[in-house]
């Protein structure tokens, strides 16, 4: 997180803040003390993370199989030429 956002008080507005996902404005509407989540609260997030990891591993494995089965040759010079034409 952006360090100056941690010092905001309720009602403060900060920004614009540029991130890899875009430019944002922030308004702090409430502040709660930090706490640990219970397993019940954390379970949906854990399941999403594990499912995403499983999908990524499966897809990576499939791509590796396809690359072995169907070798691909990339003609970099042709790609460069096409890029310059556009």
C-alpha atoms as a PDB file:
ATOM      1  CA  UNK A   1       0.000   0.000   0.000  1.00  0.00           C
ATOM      2  CA  UNK A   2       1.076   3.587  -0.543  1.00  0.00           C
ATOM      3  CA  UNK A   3       2.647   4.857   2.728  1.00  0.00           C
ATOM      4  CA  UNK A   4       0.803   8.184   2.854  1.00  0.00           C
ATOM      5  CA  UNK A   5      -2.545   6.359   2.571  1.00  0.00           C
ATOM      6  CA  UNK A   6      -1.821   4.660   5.901  1.00  0.00           C
ATOM      7  CA  UNK A   7      -1.669   8.079   7.593  1.00  0.00           C
ATOM      8  CA  UNK A   8      -5.085   9.192   6.319  1.00  0.00           C
ATOM      9  CA  UNK A   9      -7.797  10.219   8.774  1.00  0.00           C
ATOM     10  CA  UNK A  10     -11.498   9.396   8.338  1.00  0.00           C
ATOM     11  CA  UNK A  11     -12.911  11.759   5.714  1.00  0.00           C
ATOM     12  CA  UNK A  12      -9.545  12.488   4.052  1.00  0.00           C
ATOM     13  CA  UNK A  13      -9.281  12.279   0.264  1.00  0.00           C
ATOM     14  CA  UNK A  14      -5.953  11.386  -1.392  1.00  0.00           C
ATOM     15  CA  UNK A  15      -4.914  11.137  -4.982  1.00  0.00           C
ATOM     16  CA  UNK A  16      -4.567  10.816  -7.754  1.00  0.00           C
ATOM     17  CA  UNK A  17      -2.424   7.732  -7.109  1.00  0.00           C
ATOM     18  CA  UNK A  18      -1.037   5.916 -10.144  1.00  0.00           C
ATOM     19  CA  UNK A  19      -0.840   2.109  -9.937  1.00  0.00           C
ATOM     20  CA  UNK A  20      -0.247  -0.619 -12.538  1.00  0.00           C
ATOM     21  CA  UNK A  21      -4.052  -0.990 -12.718  1.00  0.00           C
ATOM     22  CA  UNK A  22      -4.830   2.696 -13.297  1.00  0.00           C
ATOM     23  CA  UNK A  23      -5.129   6.024 -11.523  1.00  0.00           C
ATOM     24  CA  UNK A  24      -7.209   6.197  -8.344  1.00  0.00           C
ATOM     25  CA  UNK A  25      -8.624   8.644  -5.817  1.00  0.00           C
ATOM     26  CA  UNK A  26      -9.049   7.388  -2.253  1.00  0.00           C
ATOM     27  CA  UNK A  27     -11.464   8.537   0.441  1.00  0.00           C
ATOM     28  CA  UNK A  28     -11.184   6.991   3.890  1.00  0.00           C
ATOM     29  CA  UNK A  29     -14.741   6.384   5.106  1.00  0.00           C
ATOM     30  CA  UNK A  30     -13.950   4.225   8.149  1.00  0.00           C
ATOM     31  CA  UNK A  31     -11.001   2.777   9.991  1.00  0.00           C
ATOM     32  CA  UNK A  32     -10.979  -0.520  11.870  1.00  0.00           C
ATOM     33  CA  UNK A  33      -8.152  -1.892  13.994  1.00  0.00           C
ATOM     34  CA  UNK A  34      -6.103  -4.684  12.432  1.00  0.00           C
ATOM     35  CA  UNK A  35      -7.116  -8.200  13.406  1.00  0.00           C
ATOM     36  CA  UNK A  36      -6.610 -11.781  12.321  1.00  0.00           C
ATOM     37  CA  UNK A  37      -9.393 -13.386  10.317  1.00  0.00           C
ATOM     38  CA  UNK A  38     -10.973 -16.563  11.547  1.00  0.00           C
ATOM     39  CA  UNK A  39     -10.586 -19.651   9.369  1.00  0.00           C
ATOM     40  CA  UNK A  40     -14.267 -19.357   8.456  1.00  0.00           C
ATOM     41  CA  UNK A  41     -13.746 -15.775   7.233  1.00  0.00           C
ATOM     42  CA  UNK A  42     -10.550 -16.647   5.355  1.00  0.00           C
ATOM     43  CA  UNK A  43     -11.827 -19.842   3.697  1.00  0.00           C
ATOM     44  CA  UNK A  44     -13.399 -18.219   0.581  1.00  0.00           C
ATOM     45  CA  UNK A  45     -10.210 -16.257  -0.170  1.00  0.00           C
ATOM     46  CA  UNK A  46      -8.046 -19.340   0.417  1.00  0.00           C
ATOM     47  CA  UNK A  47     -10.247 -21.386  -1.925  1.00  0.00           C
ATOM     48  CA  UNK A  48     -10.035 -18.699  -4.646  1.00  0.00           C
ATOM     49  CA  UNK A  49      -6.236 -18.566  -4.367  1.00  0.00           C
ATOM     50  CA  UNK A  50      -5.855 -22.355  -4.484  1.00  0.00           C
ATOM     51  CA  UNK A  51      -8.253 -22.671  -7.427  1.00  0.00           C
ATOM     52  CA  UNK A  52      -6.365 -19.962  -9.341  1.00  0.00           C
ATOM     53  CA  UNK A  53      -3.038 -21.712  -8.661  1.00  0.00           C
ATOM     54  CA  UNK A  54      -4.475 -25.049  -9.825  1.00  0.00           C
ATOM     55  CA  UNK A  55      -5.867 -23.505 -13.023  1.00  0.00           C
ATOM     56  CA  UNK A  56      -2.548 -21.804 -13.797  1.00  0.00           C
ATOM     57  CA  UNK A  57      -0.589 -25.021 -13.220  1.00  0.00           C
ATOM     58  CA  UNK A  58      -3.008 -27.020 -15.390  1.00  0.00           C
ATOM     59  CA  UNK A  59      -2.869 -24.465 -18.201  1.00  0.00           C
ATOM     60  CA  UNK A  60       0.928 -24.259 -18.039  1.00  0.00           C
ATOM     61  CA  UNK A  61       1.147 -28.063 -18.233  1.00  0.00           C
ATOM     62  CA  UNK A  62      -1.203 -28.131 -21.218  1.00  0.00           C
ATOM     63  CA  UNK A  63       0.852 -25.474 -23.027  1.00  0.00           C
ATOM     64  CA  UNK A  64       4.055 -27.419 -22.358  1.00  0.00           C
ATOM     65  CA  UNK A  65       2.461 -30.578 -23.810  1.00  0.00           C
ATOM     66  CA  UNK A  66       1.326 -28.669 -26.898  1.00  0.00           C
ATOM     67  CA  UNK A  67       4.784 -27.151 -27.432  1.00  0.00           C
ATOM     68  CA  UNK A  68       6.344 -30.632 -27.291  1.00  0.00           C
ATOM     69  CA  UNK A  69       3.677 -32.110 -29.554  1.00  0.00           C
ATOM     70  CA  UNK A  70       3.606 -29.222 -32.071  1.00  0.00           C
ATOM     71  CA  UNK A  71       7.000 -27.490 -32.281  1.00  0.00           C
ATOM     72  CA  UNK A  72       6.803 -23.799 -33.144  1.00  0.00           C
ATOM     73  CA  UNK A  73       9.456 -21.769 -34.924  1.00  0.00           C
ATOM     74  CA  UNK A  74       9.303 -17.998 -34.509  1.00  0.00           C
ATOM     75  CA  UNK A  75      10.767 -15.911 -37.306  1.00  0.00           C
ATOM     76  CA  UNK A  76      11.814 -12.815 -35.371  1.00  0.00           C
ATOM     77  CA  UNK A  77      13.009 -10.958 -38.468  1.00  0.00           C
ATOM     78  CA  UNK A  78       9.564 -11.338 -40.055  1.00  0.00           C
ATOM     79  CA  UNK A  79       7.860 -10.170 -36.867  1.00  0.00           C
ATOM     80  CA  UNK A  80      10.105  -7.101 -36.776  1.00  0.00           C
ATOM     81  CA  UNK A  81       9.312  -6.346 -40.428  1.00  0.00           C
ATOM     82  CA  UNK A  82       5.558  -6.695 -39.853  1.00  0.00           C
ATOM     83  CA  UNK A  83       5.793  -4.455 -36.795  1.00  0.00           C
ATOM     84  CA  UNK A  84       7.527  -1.729 -38.799  1.00  0.00           C
ATOM     85  CA  UNK A  85       4.900  -1.884 -41.568  1.00  0.00           C
ATOM     86  CA  UNK A  86       2.049  -1.091 -39.197  1.00  0.00           C
END
